[in-house]
Structures are given as C-alpha cells and as structure tokens.
N, C-alpha and C. Protein backbone atom coordinates (compact mmCIF):
# COMPACT_ATOMS: atom_id res chain seq x y z
N MET A 1 28.72 0.06 8.94
CA MET A 1 29.33 -1.26 8.87
C MET A 1 29.69 -1.76 10.25
N ALA A 2 30.17 -0.83 11.11
CA ALA A 2 30.53 -1.23 12.47
C ALA A 2 29.31 -1.71 13.23
N GLU A 3 28.19 -1.01 13.07
CA GLU A 3 26.96 -1.42 13.75
C GLU A 3 26.52 -2.80 13.27
N ALA A 4 26.64 -3.04 11.96
CA ALA A 4 26.26 -4.35 11.41
C ALA A 4 27.14 -5.44 11.99
N ALA A 5 28.45 -5.16 12.12
CA ALA A 5 29.37 -6.15 12.68
C ALA A 5 29.03 -6.45 14.13
N VAL A 6 28.68 -5.41 14.88
CA VAL A 6 28.32 -5.62 16.29
C VAL A 6 27.07 -6.47 16.39
N ARG A 7 26.07 -6.17 15.55
CA ARG A 7 24.84 -6.96 15.56
C ARG A 7 25.13 -8.42 15.24
N TYR A 8 26.03 -8.66 14.25
CA TYR A 8 26.37 -10.02 13.86
C TYR A 8 27.05 -10.76 15.01
N LEU A 9 28.06 -10.14 15.62
CA LEU A 9 28.79 -10.80 16.70
C LEU A 9 27.87 -11.07 17.89
N ARG A 10 26.98 -10.13 18.17
CA ARG A 10 26.03 -10.33 19.27
C ARG A 10 25.11 -11.49 18.96
N ALA A 11 24.69 -11.61 17.69
CA ALA A 11 23.77 -12.69 17.29
C ALA A 11 24.46 -14.05 17.40
N VAL A 12 25.75 -14.09 17.07
CA VAL A 12 26.48 -15.36 17.14
C VAL A 12 26.58 -15.85 18.58
N ARG A 13 26.69 -14.92 19.54
CA ARG A 13 26.90 -15.30 20.93
C ARG A 13 25.60 -15.61 21.67
N THR A 14 24.47 -15.25 21.11
CA THR A 14 23.20 -15.46 21.80
C THR A 14 22.35 -16.46 21.06
N ALA A 15 21.43 -17.07 21.77
CA ALA A 15 20.56 -18.08 21.16
C ALA A 15 19.54 -17.44 20.23
N ALA A 16 19.08 -16.23 20.58
CA ALA A 16 18.05 -15.55 19.79
C ALA A 16 18.63 -14.27 19.21
N PRO A 17 19.04 -14.26 17.94
CA PRO A 17 19.61 -13.06 17.35
C PRO A 17 18.59 -11.93 17.26
N GLU A 18 19.09 -10.69 17.33
CA GLU A 18 18.22 -9.53 17.22
C GLU A 18 17.59 -9.47 15.84
N PRO A 19 16.36 -8.99 15.76
CA PRO A 19 15.75 -8.84 14.43
C PRO A 19 16.48 -7.79 13.61
N VAL A 20 16.55 -8.02 12.32
CA VAL A 20 17.21 -7.07 11.42
C VAL A 20 16.25 -5.94 11.11
N GLU A 21 16.73 -4.72 11.26
CA GLU A 21 15.88 -3.56 10.99
C GLU A 21 15.70 -3.40 9.49
N VAL A 22 14.47 -3.07 9.10
CA VAL A 22 14.18 -2.83 7.69
C VAL A 22 14.76 -1.48 7.31
N LEU A 23 15.55 -1.44 6.25
CA LEU A 23 16.18 -0.20 5.82
C LEU A 23 15.20 0.65 5.02
N PRO A 24 15.34 1.97 5.06
CA PRO A 24 14.45 2.82 4.27
C PRO A 24 14.69 2.63 2.78
N ARG A 25 13.65 2.76 2.00
CA ARG A 25 13.79 2.63 0.56
C ARG A 25 14.45 3.88 0.01
N PRO A 26 15.38 3.74 -0.95
CA PRO A 26 16.12 4.91 -1.43
C PRO A 26 15.28 5.77 -2.35
N GLU A 27 15.66 7.05 -2.42
CA GLU A 27 15.07 7.93 -3.41
C GLU A 27 15.62 7.56 -4.78
N LEU A 28 14.75 7.44 -5.77
CA LEU A 28 15.20 7.11 -7.12
C LEU A 28 15.81 8.34 -7.77
N ARG A 29 16.79 8.12 -8.61
CA ARG A 29 17.45 9.20 -9.32
C ARG A 29 17.85 8.70 -10.70
N CYS A 30 18.20 9.63 -11.57
CA CYS A 30 18.64 9.26 -12.91
C CYS A 30 20.04 8.65 -12.85
N VAL A 31 20.34 7.84 -13.84
CA VAL A 31 21.69 7.28 -13.96
C VAL A 31 22.59 8.38 -14.51
N GLY A 32 23.65 8.70 -13.78
CA GLY A 32 24.55 9.78 -14.18
C GLY A 32 25.46 9.38 -15.32
N ASP A 33 25.91 10.39 -16.09
CA ASP A 33 26.82 10.12 -17.20
C ASP A 33 28.12 9.49 -16.71
N ASP A 34 28.55 9.85 -15.50
CA ASP A 34 29.79 9.30 -14.98
C ASP A 34 29.66 7.84 -14.58
N GLU A 35 28.42 7.31 -14.57
CA GLU A 35 28.19 5.92 -14.23
C GLU A 35 28.12 5.02 -15.46
N ARG A 36 28.13 5.61 -16.62
CA ARG A 36 28.00 4.84 -17.85
C ARG A 36 29.38 4.40 -18.33
N ALA A 37 29.60 3.07 -18.30
CA ALA A 37 30.89 2.54 -18.72
C ALA A 37 30.96 2.51 -20.25
N PRO A 38 32.16 2.69 -20.83
CA PRO A 38 32.31 2.68 -22.30
C PRO A 38 32.27 1.26 -22.85
N VAL A 39 31.17 0.57 -22.62
CA VAL A 39 31.00 -0.80 -23.09
C VAL A 39 29.75 -0.84 -23.96
N ASP A 40 29.87 -1.47 -25.12
CA ASP A 40 28.72 -1.59 -26.01
C ASP A 40 27.65 -2.46 -25.36
N PRO A 41 26.40 -1.98 -25.25
CA PRO A 41 25.35 -2.77 -24.58
C PRO A 41 25.13 -4.15 -25.20
N ALA A 42 25.21 -4.24 -26.51
CA ALA A 42 25.01 -5.54 -27.16
C ALA A 42 26.13 -6.51 -26.79
N GLU A 43 27.37 -6.01 -26.71
CA GLU A 43 28.48 -6.87 -26.33
C GLU A 43 28.38 -7.26 -24.85
N PHE A 44 27.95 -6.32 -24.04
CA PHE A 44 27.73 -6.61 -22.62
C PHE A 44 26.73 -7.75 -22.46
N ARG A 45 25.61 -7.65 -23.19
CA ARG A 45 24.59 -8.67 -23.12
C ARG A 45 25.11 -10.02 -23.65
N ARG A 46 25.88 -9.98 -24.74
CA ARG A 46 26.39 -11.22 -25.33
C ARG A 46 27.33 -11.95 -24.38
N VAL A 47 28.27 -11.22 -23.79
CA VAL A 47 29.26 -11.84 -22.91
C VAL A 47 28.60 -12.36 -21.64
N LEU A 48 27.75 -11.54 -21.03
CA LEU A 48 27.10 -11.97 -19.78
C LEU A 48 26.13 -13.11 -20.02
N GLY A 49 25.66 -13.26 -21.28
CA GLY A 49 24.77 -14.36 -21.61
C GLY A 49 25.42 -15.72 -21.49
N HIS A 50 26.77 -15.77 -21.40
CA HIS A 50 27.46 -17.03 -21.22
C HIS A 50 27.34 -17.56 -19.79
N PHE A 51 26.83 -16.72 -18.90
CA PHE A 51 26.61 -17.16 -17.52
C PHE A 51 25.19 -17.71 -17.41
N PRO A 52 25.02 -19.04 -17.26
CA PRO A 52 23.67 -19.61 -17.20
C PRO A 52 22.99 -19.27 -15.89
N THR A 53 21.71 -19.02 -15.97
CA THR A 53 20.93 -18.70 -14.77
C THR A 53 19.67 -19.54 -14.72
N GLY A 54 19.12 -19.64 -13.54
CA GLY A 54 17.78 -20.18 -13.41
C GLY A 54 16.77 -19.13 -13.83
N VAL A 55 15.53 -19.51 -13.88
CA VAL A 55 14.46 -18.59 -14.27
C VAL A 55 13.37 -18.64 -13.21
N ALA A 56 12.92 -17.48 -12.77
CA ALA A 56 11.90 -17.39 -11.74
C ALA A 56 10.81 -16.42 -12.17
N VAL A 57 9.67 -16.54 -11.53
CA VAL A 57 8.60 -15.55 -11.66
C VAL A 57 8.38 -14.97 -10.28
N ILE A 58 8.51 -13.65 -10.17
CA ILE A 58 8.27 -12.95 -8.92
C ILE A 58 6.80 -12.52 -8.91
N THR A 59 6.07 -12.89 -7.86
CA THR A 59 4.65 -12.57 -7.78
C THR A 59 4.35 -11.81 -6.49
N ALA A 60 3.26 -11.08 -6.51
CA ALA A 60 2.79 -10.37 -5.32
C ALA A 60 1.27 -10.39 -5.31
N PRO A 61 0.65 -10.33 -4.14
CA PRO A 61 -0.81 -10.34 -4.07
C PRO A 61 -1.39 -9.03 -4.57
N PRO A 62 -2.65 -9.02 -4.92
CA PRO A 62 -3.28 -7.78 -5.37
C PRO A 62 -3.38 -6.78 -4.23
N ALA A 63 -3.39 -5.50 -4.60
CA ALA A 63 -3.58 -4.46 -3.60
C ALA A 63 -5.03 -4.51 -3.11
N THR A 64 -5.21 -4.66 -1.83
CA THR A 64 -6.57 -4.81 -1.28
C THR A 64 -7.41 -3.57 -1.50
N SER A 65 -6.77 -2.41 -1.55
CA SER A 65 -7.53 -1.17 -1.69
C SER A 65 -8.08 -0.98 -3.09
N THR A 66 -7.42 -1.58 -4.09
CA THR A 66 -7.86 -1.39 -5.46
C THR A 66 -8.58 -2.59 -6.03
N GLY A 67 -8.38 -3.76 -5.43
CA GLY A 67 -9.03 -4.95 -5.94
C GLY A 67 -8.48 -5.41 -7.27
N THR A 68 -7.27 -4.99 -7.60
CA THR A 68 -6.67 -5.38 -8.86
C THR A 68 -6.19 -6.82 -8.80
N SER A 69 -5.76 -7.33 -9.96
CA SER A 69 -5.26 -8.70 -10.03
C SER A 69 -3.86 -8.77 -9.42
N PRO A 70 -3.36 -9.98 -9.16
CA PRO A 70 -2.00 -10.11 -8.64
C PRO A 70 -0.98 -9.55 -9.63
N ALA A 71 0.22 -9.31 -9.13
CA ALA A 71 1.30 -8.80 -9.97
C ALA A 71 2.34 -9.89 -10.15
N GLY A 72 3.04 -9.87 -11.28
CA GLY A 72 4.09 -10.85 -11.51
C GLY A 72 4.93 -10.52 -12.72
N PHE A 73 6.21 -10.91 -12.69
CA PHE A 73 7.07 -10.74 -13.86
C PHE A 73 8.15 -11.81 -13.85
N ALA A 74 8.64 -12.14 -15.05
CA ALA A 74 9.70 -13.12 -15.20
C ALA A 74 11.03 -12.50 -14.82
N CYS A 75 11.88 -13.26 -14.16
CA CYS A 75 13.12 -12.72 -13.61
C CYS A 75 14.25 -13.74 -13.71
N GLN A 76 15.37 -13.34 -14.30
CA GLN A 76 16.57 -14.18 -14.31
C GLN A 76 17.51 -13.81 -13.17
N SER A 77 17.47 -12.55 -12.78
CA SER A 77 18.45 -12.04 -11.83
C SER A 77 17.97 -12.21 -10.39
N PHE A 78 17.92 -13.46 -9.97
CA PHE A 78 17.54 -13.80 -8.59
C PHE A 78 18.69 -14.56 -7.95
N THR A 79 18.91 -14.32 -6.66
CA THR A 79 20.00 -15.00 -5.98
C THR A 79 19.73 -15.09 -4.48
N SER A 80 20.33 -16.10 -3.84
CA SER A 80 20.34 -16.13 -2.39
C SER A 80 21.37 -15.10 -1.93
N LEU A 81 21.17 -14.54 -0.75
CA LEU A 81 22.03 -13.45 -0.29
C LEU A 81 22.63 -13.72 1.08
N SER A 82 21.82 -14.18 2.03
CA SER A 82 22.30 -14.33 3.41
C SER A 82 21.59 -15.51 4.06
N LEU A 83 22.35 -16.25 4.87
CA LEU A 83 21.77 -17.37 5.61
C LEU A 83 21.21 -16.92 6.96
N ASP A 84 21.89 -15.99 7.61
CA ASP A 84 21.45 -15.52 8.93
C ASP A 84 21.61 -14.00 9.01
N PRO A 85 20.53 -13.25 8.81
CA PRO A 85 19.16 -13.70 8.60
C PRO A 85 18.96 -14.22 7.17
N PRO A 86 17.88 -14.98 6.95
CA PRO A 86 17.65 -15.54 5.61
C PRO A 86 17.18 -14.45 4.65
N LEU A 87 18.05 -14.09 3.71
CA LEU A 87 17.74 -13.03 2.74
C LEU A 87 17.99 -13.53 1.32
N VAL A 88 17.15 -13.07 0.41
CA VAL A 88 17.35 -13.31 -1.02
C VAL A 88 17.29 -11.95 -1.71
N ALA A 89 17.63 -11.93 -2.99
CA ALA A 89 17.59 -10.67 -3.73
C ALA A 89 17.22 -10.94 -5.18
N PHE A 90 16.55 -9.95 -5.77
CA PHE A 90 16.33 -9.98 -7.21
C PHE A 90 16.50 -8.56 -7.75
N MET A 91 16.78 -8.47 -9.03
CA MET A 91 16.97 -7.19 -9.68
C MET A 91 15.84 -6.95 -10.67
N VAL A 92 15.36 -5.72 -10.71
CA VAL A 92 14.25 -5.36 -11.59
C VAL A 92 14.55 -4.00 -12.22
N GLY A 93 14.21 -3.86 -13.49
CA GLY A 93 14.43 -2.60 -14.18
C GLY A 93 13.63 -1.48 -13.56
N ARG A 94 14.23 -0.30 -13.49
CA ARG A 94 13.55 0.82 -12.87
C ARG A 94 12.37 1.33 -13.69
N THR A 95 12.28 0.91 -14.95
CA THR A 95 11.14 1.29 -15.78
C THR A 95 10.02 0.25 -15.73
N SER A 96 10.19 -0.80 -14.94
CA SER A 96 9.18 -1.86 -14.85
C SER A 96 7.85 -1.29 -14.35
N THR A 97 6.78 -1.67 -15.02
CA THR A 97 5.44 -1.26 -14.58
C THR A 97 4.88 -2.20 -13.52
N THR A 98 5.49 -3.37 -13.37
CA THR A 98 5.04 -4.33 -12.36
C THR A 98 5.65 -4.04 -11.00
N TRP A 99 6.88 -3.56 -10.98
CA TRP A 99 7.56 -3.34 -9.71
C TRP A 99 6.78 -2.43 -8.75
N PRO A 100 6.21 -1.31 -9.18
CA PRO A 100 5.48 -0.47 -8.22
C PRO A 100 4.35 -1.23 -7.50
N ARG A 101 3.73 -2.17 -8.19
CA ARG A 101 2.65 -2.95 -7.56
C ARG A 101 3.22 -3.90 -6.50
N ILE A 102 4.39 -4.48 -6.79
CA ILE A 102 5.04 -5.34 -5.79
C ILE A 102 5.50 -4.50 -4.60
N ALA A 103 6.05 -3.32 -4.89
CA ALA A 103 6.52 -2.45 -3.82
C ALA A 103 5.37 -2.05 -2.89
N ARG A 104 4.20 -1.75 -3.48
CA ARG A 104 3.04 -1.38 -2.66
C ARG A 104 2.59 -2.55 -1.80
N ALA A 105 2.69 -3.76 -2.33
CA ALA A 105 2.29 -4.94 -1.56
C ALA A 105 3.23 -5.17 -0.39
N GLY A 106 4.52 -4.87 -0.59
CA GLY A 106 5.51 -5.04 0.46
C GLY A 106 5.96 -6.48 0.66
N VAL A 107 5.43 -7.39 -0.13
CA VAL A 107 5.75 -8.81 -0.03
C VAL A 107 5.84 -9.39 -1.43
N PHE A 108 6.45 -10.57 -1.54
CA PHE A 108 6.52 -11.23 -2.84
C PHE A 108 6.85 -12.70 -2.64
N CYS A 109 6.62 -13.49 -3.71
CA CYS A 109 6.98 -14.90 -3.72
C CYS A 109 7.83 -15.15 -4.96
N VAL A 110 8.96 -15.82 -4.77
CA VAL A 110 9.82 -16.22 -5.88
C VAL A 110 9.42 -17.63 -6.28
N ASN A 111 9.00 -17.80 -7.52
CA ASN A 111 8.62 -19.11 -8.05
C ASN A 111 9.71 -19.58 -9.01
N VAL A 112 10.49 -20.58 -8.61
CA VAL A 112 11.56 -21.10 -9.45
C VAL A 112 10.93 -22.06 -10.47
N LEU A 113 11.01 -21.71 -11.75
CA LEU A 113 10.28 -22.45 -12.77
C LEU A 113 10.94 -23.78 -13.10
N ALA A 114 10.09 -24.74 -13.47
CA ALA A 114 10.54 -26.05 -13.90
C ALA A 114 10.89 -26.02 -15.39
N ALA A 115 11.63 -27.03 -15.84
CA ALA A 115 12.12 -27.06 -17.22
C ALA A 115 11.00 -27.01 -18.25
N HIS A 116 9.81 -27.49 -17.90
CA HIS A 116 8.71 -27.51 -18.86
C HIS A 116 7.90 -26.21 -18.87
N GLN A 117 8.32 -25.20 -18.10
CA GLN A 117 7.51 -23.99 -17.95
C GLN A 117 8.05 -22.79 -18.74
N SER A 118 8.71 -23.04 -19.86
CA SER A 118 9.23 -21.92 -20.66
C SER A 118 8.12 -21.04 -21.20
N GLU A 119 6.99 -21.62 -21.59
CA GLU A 119 5.88 -20.81 -22.10
C GLU A 119 5.29 -19.95 -21.00
N LEU A 120 5.24 -20.46 -19.78
CA LEU A 120 4.77 -19.68 -18.64
C LEU A 120 5.70 -18.48 -18.42
N CYS A 121 7.00 -18.72 -18.55
CA CYS A 121 7.96 -17.64 -18.42
C CYS A 121 7.71 -16.56 -19.48
N ARG A 122 7.49 -16.97 -20.72
CA ARG A 122 7.24 -16.00 -21.79
C ARG A 122 5.97 -15.19 -21.50
N ALA A 123 4.97 -15.84 -20.94
CA ALA A 123 3.72 -15.14 -20.63
C ALA A 123 3.95 -14.05 -19.58
N PHE A 124 4.80 -14.33 -18.60
CA PHE A 124 5.06 -13.35 -17.55
C PHE A 124 6.09 -12.30 -17.98
N ALA A 125 6.71 -12.49 -19.14
CA ALA A 125 7.65 -11.50 -19.65
C ALA A 125 6.96 -10.44 -20.50
N VAL A 126 5.68 -10.64 -20.81
CA VAL A 126 4.92 -9.71 -21.64
C VAL A 126 4.38 -8.58 -20.77
N SER A 127 4.48 -7.37 -21.25
CA SER A 127 3.98 -6.21 -20.51
C SER A 127 2.55 -5.89 -20.93
N GLY A 128 1.72 -5.58 -19.94
CA GLY A 128 0.38 -5.11 -20.21
C GLY A 128 -0.68 -6.19 -20.36
N ALA A 129 -0.31 -7.45 -20.40
CA ALA A 129 -1.29 -8.53 -20.57
C ALA A 129 -1.76 -9.02 -19.21
N ASP A 130 -2.86 -9.80 -19.22
CA ASP A 130 -3.32 -10.46 -18.00
C ASP A 130 -2.48 -11.71 -17.82
N LYS A 131 -1.39 -11.59 -17.08
CA LYS A 131 -0.42 -12.66 -16.99
C LYS A 131 -0.94 -13.88 -16.24
N PHE A 132 -1.96 -13.71 -15.43
CA PHE A 132 -2.47 -14.81 -14.61
C PHE A 132 -3.65 -15.54 -15.26
N ALA A 133 -4.04 -15.13 -16.46
CA ALA A 133 -5.17 -15.78 -17.14
C ALA A 133 -4.83 -17.24 -17.41
N GLY A 134 -5.62 -18.16 -16.88
CA GLY A 134 -5.42 -19.58 -17.09
C GLY A 134 -4.26 -20.18 -16.33
N VAL A 135 -3.64 -19.43 -15.43
CA VAL A 135 -2.50 -19.93 -14.67
C VAL A 135 -2.97 -20.46 -13.32
N ALA A 136 -2.59 -21.69 -13.00
CA ALA A 136 -2.98 -22.29 -11.73
C ALA A 136 -2.02 -21.86 -10.63
N TYR A 137 -2.57 -21.43 -9.51
CA TYR A 137 -1.73 -21.04 -8.37
C TYR A 137 -2.56 -21.08 -7.10
N ASP A 138 -1.86 -21.12 -5.97
CA ASP A 138 -2.50 -20.95 -4.68
C ASP A 138 -1.76 -19.84 -3.94
N ALA A 139 -2.13 -19.61 -2.68
CA ALA A 139 -1.54 -18.51 -1.93
C ALA A 139 -0.35 -19.00 -1.11
N ALA A 140 0.76 -18.29 -1.20
CA ALA A 140 1.91 -18.60 -0.34
C ALA A 140 1.48 -18.40 1.12
N PRO A 141 2.03 -19.21 2.04
CA PRO A 141 1.47 -19.28 3.39
C PRO A 141 1.56 -18.02 4.22
N VAL A 142 2.55 -17.17 4.01
CA VAL A 142 2.71 -15.98 4.85
C VAL A 142 2.23 -14.73 4.14
N SER A 143 2.72 -14.50 2.93
CA SER A 143 2.40 -13.25 2.22
C SER A 143 1.10 -13.29 1.45
N GLY A 144 0.64 -14.50 1.11
CA GLY A 144 -0.54 -14.62 0.26
C GLY A 144 -0.24 -14.37 -1.21
N SER A 145 1.04 -14.22 -1.56
CA SER A 145 1.42 -14.02 -2.96
C SER A 145 1.14 -15.30 -3.75
N PRO A 146 0.86 -15.17 -5.06
CA PRO A 146 0.61 -16.36 -5.86
C PRO A 146 1.80 -17.31 -5.88
N ARG A 147 1.51 -18.57 -5.57
CA ARG A 147 2.50 -19.64 -5.62
C ARG A 147 2.12 -20.51 -6.82
N LEU A 148 2.91 -20.43 -7.89
CA LEU A 148 2.54 -21.03 -9.16
C LEU A 148 2.65 -22.55 -9.12
N SER A 149 1.62 -23.21 -9.64
CA SER A 149 1.63 -24.67 -9.70
C SER A 149 2.72 -25.14 -10.66
N GLY A 150 3.41 -26.20 -10.28
CA GLY A 150 4.42 -26.78 -11.14
C GLY A 150 5.81 -26.24 -10.94
N ALA A 151 5.97 -25.14 -10.19
CA ALA A 151 7.30 -24.60 -9.93
C ALA A 151 8.10 -25.58 -9.08
N VAL A 152 9.41 -25.62 -9.28
CA VAL A 152 10.23 -26.58 -8.54
C VAL A 152 10.51 -26.11 -7.12
N ALA A 153 10.41 -24.79 -6.89
CA ALA A 153 10.64 -24.26 -5.55
C ALA A 153 9.94 -22.92 -5.42
N TRP A 154 9.64 -22.53 -4.18
CA TRP A 154 9.03 -21.22 -3.92
C TRP A 154 9.63 -20.65 -2.64
N ILE A 155 9.76 -19.31 -2.64
CA ILE A 155 10.33 -18.60 -1.50
C ILE A 155 9.41 -17.42 -1.19
N ASP A 156 8.81 -17.43 -0.02
CA ASP A 156 7.83 -16.43 0.39
C ASP A 156 8.55 -15.35 1.21
N CYS A 157 8.45 -14.09 0.79
CA CYS A 157 9.30 -13.04 1.36
C CYS A 157 8.54 -11.75 1.67
N ALA A 158 9.14 -10.96 2.55
CA ALA A 158 8.75 -9.57 2.77
C ALA A 158 9.89 -8.69 2.29
N ILE A 159 9.57 -7.55 1.70
CA ILE A 159 10.62 -6.64 1.23
C ILE A 159 11.41 -6.12 2.43
N HIS A 160 12.71 -6.30 2.39
CA HIS A 160 13.60 -5.91 3.48
C HIS A 160 14.33 -4.60 3.17
N ALA A 161 14.78 -4.44 1.93
CA ALA A 161 15.48 -3.22 1.53
C ALA A 161 15.48 -3.14 0.01
N VAL A 162 15.63 -1.92 -0.50
CA VAL A 162 15.74 -1.68 -1.94
C VAL A 162 16.91 -0.75 -2.17
N HIS A 163 17.81 -1.14 -3.08
CA HIS A 163 18.98 -0.32 -3.39
C HIS A 163 18.99 -0.01 -4.88
N THR A 164 19.55 1.13 -5.24
CA THR A 164 19.69 1.47 -6.65
C THR A 164 20.94 0.80 -7.20
N GLY A 165 20.86 0.38 -8.46
CA GLY A 165 22.00 -0.23 -9.14
C GLY A 165 21.94 0.11 -10.61
N GLY A 166 22.37 1.31 -10.97
CA GLY A 166 22.31 1.74 -12.36
C GLY A 166 20.88 1.86 -12.83
N ASP A 167 20.55 1.18 -13.94
CA ASP A 167 19.19 1.26 -14.46
C ASP A 167 18.27 0.19 -13.84
N HIS A 168 18.74 -0.47 -12.79
CA HIS A 168 17.95 -1.48 -12.08
C HIS A 168 17.85 -1.15 -10.60
N LEU A 169 16.92 -1.81 -9.95
CA LEU A 169 16.82 -1.78 -8.49
C LEU A 169 17.19 -3.15 -7.96
N ILE A 170 17.87 -3.16 -6.82
CA ILE A 170 18.25 -4.41 -6.15
C ILE A 170 17.30 -4.56 -4.96
N VAL A 171 16.42 -5.53 -5.05
CA VAL A 171 15.39 -5.73 -4.03
C VAL A 171 15.81 -6.89 -3.13
N VAL A 172 15.94 -6.61 -1.86
CA VAL A 172 16.32 -7.63 -0.88
C VAL A 172 15.07 -8.06 -0.12
N GLY A 173 14.85 -9.37 -0.03
CA GLY A 173 13.68 -9.92 0.65
C GLY A 173 14.06 -10.75 1.85
N ARG A 174 13.31 -10.59 2.92
CA ARG A 174 13.48 -11.42 4.11
C ARG A 174 12.59 -12.65 3.94
N VAL A 175 13.17 -13.84 4.02
CA VAL A 175 12.44 -15.08 3.76
C VAL A 175 11.63 -15.46 4.99
N ASP A 176 10.31 -15.65 4.78
CA ASP A 176 9.41 -16.06 5.85
C ASP A 176 9.00 -17.52 5.75
N ALA A 177 9.02 -18.08 4.54
CA ALA A 177 8.67 -19.48 4.33
C ALA A 177 9.21 -19.89 2.97
N LEU A 178 9.43 -21.19 2.78
CA LEU A 178 9.93 -21.68 1.51
C LEU A 178 9.71 -23.18 1.41
N GLY A 179 9.79 -23.69 0.19
CA GLY A 179 9.59 -25.12 0.00
C GLY A 179 9.88 -25.52 -1.43
N THR A 180 9.81 -26.82 -1.67
CA THR A 180 10.05 -27.37 -3.00
C THR A 180 8.86 -28.22 -3.42
N ALA A 181 8.80 -28.52 -4.70
CA ALA A 181 7.73 -29.36 -5.23
C ALA A 181 7.90 -30.78 -4.72
N ALA A 182 6.78 -31.44 -4.49
CA ALA A 182 6.83 -32.83 -4.04
C ALA A 182 7.40 -33.73 -5.13
N ASP A 183 7.14 -33.38 -6.38
CA ASP A 183 7.62 -34.18 -7.51
C ASP A 183 8.31 -33.26 -8.50
N ASP A 184 9.57 -33.52 -8.83
CA ASP A 184 10.35 -32.66 -9.71
C ASP A 184 11.08 -33.51 -10.75
N PRO A 185 10.35 -34.06 -11.73
CA PRO A 185 11.00 -34.95 -12.70
C PRO A 185 11.87 -34.23 -13.72
N ASP A 186 11.57 -32.95 -13.99
CA ASP A 186 12.25 -32.24 -15.08
C ASP A 186 13.44 -31.40 -14.64
N GLY A 187 13.51 -31.04 -13.37
CA GLY A 187 14.54 -30.11 -12.94
C GLY A 187 14.16 -28.68 -13.28
N PRO A 188 15.06 -27.74 -13.04
CA PRO A 188 14.73 -26.33 -13.25
C PRO A 188 14.88 -25.89 -14.70
N LEU A 189 14.19 -24.80 -15.02
CA LEU A 189 14.35 -24.14 -16.31
C LEU A 189 15.60 -23.26 -16.23
N LEU A 190 16.44 -23.31 -17.26
CA LEU A 190 17.66 -22.51 -17.32
C LEU A 190 17.62 -21.58 -18.52
N PHE A 191 18.40 -20.50 -18.43
CA PHE A 191 18.53 -19.56 -19.55
C PHE A 191 20.01 -19.36 -19.82
N HIS A 192 20.42 -19.58 -21.08
CA HIS A 192 21.84 -19.52 -21.43
C HIS A 192 22.00 -19.05 -22.86
N ARG A 193 22.78 -18.00 -23.07
CA ARG A 193 23.07 -17.47 -24.40
C ARG A 193 21.80 -17.18 -25.19
N GLY A 194 20.83 -16.57 -24.51
CA GLY A 194 19.64 -16.10 -25.19
C GLY A 194 18.56 -17.13 -25.42
N ARG A 195 18.68 -18.31 -24.84
CA ARG A 195 17.62 -19.31 -25.05
C ARG A 195 17.43 -20.16 -23.80
N PHE A 196 16.25 -20.76 -23.73
CA PHE A 196 15.94 -21.66 -22.62
C PHE A 196 16.64 -23.00 -22.82
N THR A 197 17.04 -23.60 -21.72
CA THR A 197 17.62 -24.93 -21.77
C THR A 197 17.34 -25.62 -20.44
N ARG A 198 17.90 -26.80 -20.24
CA ARG A 198 17.66 -27.54 -19.02
C ARG A 198 18.91 -28.32 -18.65
N LEU A 199 18.94 -28.82 -17.43
CA LEU A 199 20.05 -29.66 -16.99
C LEU A 199 20.05 -30.97 -17.75
N SER A 200 21.22 -31.53 -17.97
CA SER A 200 21.31 -32.86 -18.57
C SER A 200 22.39 -33.66 -17.86
N ASP A 201 22.31 -34.97 -17.98
CA ASP A 201 23.30 -35.83 -17.33
C ASP A 201 24.68 -35.64 -17.93
C-alpha cells in the first residue's frame, strides 16, 4: 500500500505518471468453509436484485493459435474502478467456460447494451452455443475484440489484474480506448429484480 501511495503522489506531481505495473494473476483455490456466510443463496439473490444494474457483453478476439471463434458472455457485474490510471472491472464465475478464453487473449471489450438488445443479452448468456452467429460487430481499435453493433458504449481493455472473490474472479482491465454510439435513442438496457427494463422519464 505504501508503494502504491508513493506512486500516486509521484504521478500527481509530474506531468507524465509512471506506468502501472501489471500484477501477477493469482493461483485459484477452493472457497473455504470459513468464507461461507450463513445467508440463504436465494434470499441473497432476491435482496441484491433490488440494486439495478446495466447489462454488458464482455468479448475477446479468437486465439490466433487455434483459429477459434471470438469469446463473449453476458455480464451484469461491471463497474468503473479508477480514473488515473483508467481502470474498469468485471466479475465472472470461476466455473465459466468463456473466461479461460478471455484470459488467454489477455484483452477484452466491454459492450454496454442498448435497451432494445435484451435478446442479444440472452444469446450471450447461453453456454456452449455459437454466440456470434448472426451478430454484427467490428474490431475494437486496440485489442481487436468484437465491438457489437448497436451497443450504447464500448470500452477496449487489456487485462491488468485478476483477484479471487469467493466463487467469482474480479478482473481489472486497463482502458486503452472507448467510445459511445453516434445515435442512442433507447438508452441502456437495465436489469432489476430478475427482469430486463429500461430508463424512463
């Protein structure tokens, strides 16, 4: 923590802050019994469902060595993390079959879905299917990750650090490029109390 504070203070005093070092990825381990809180999972899900979130699709380019298709999954647990340096974070289940492909790529793009893209979200929430079949996208400018057409915003990132958090991983991304849609008539897609919704006046 002291080293981080020194780096921050030094960055504030200089015009060009030092680059942030990429942290090593942690060794995965089982969730210990002492980490399990005496809370019913269904009640946990019900109460936390009262907190509305945006909906995003995290994508990564195909592995060049295997020639496989791009990777992607639907994600509610995305957030901005730091302004200087520009960092974002998302959480992914440790049993996810898509995450290892994103980890191998080392880069990803966060696609913030528009209100009319609930079906696209459902398609990316399915495991084992060809999620990109019939989906329009181009390449994000730095990582080459799929940038989905119609999304209200996109954030192009490199993996900066990965931390364990119970049965999930906390993935921190360093932002290399970002932007918004030229036309956004519908606003973002939201998820609240187990269903999709949208902003209203």
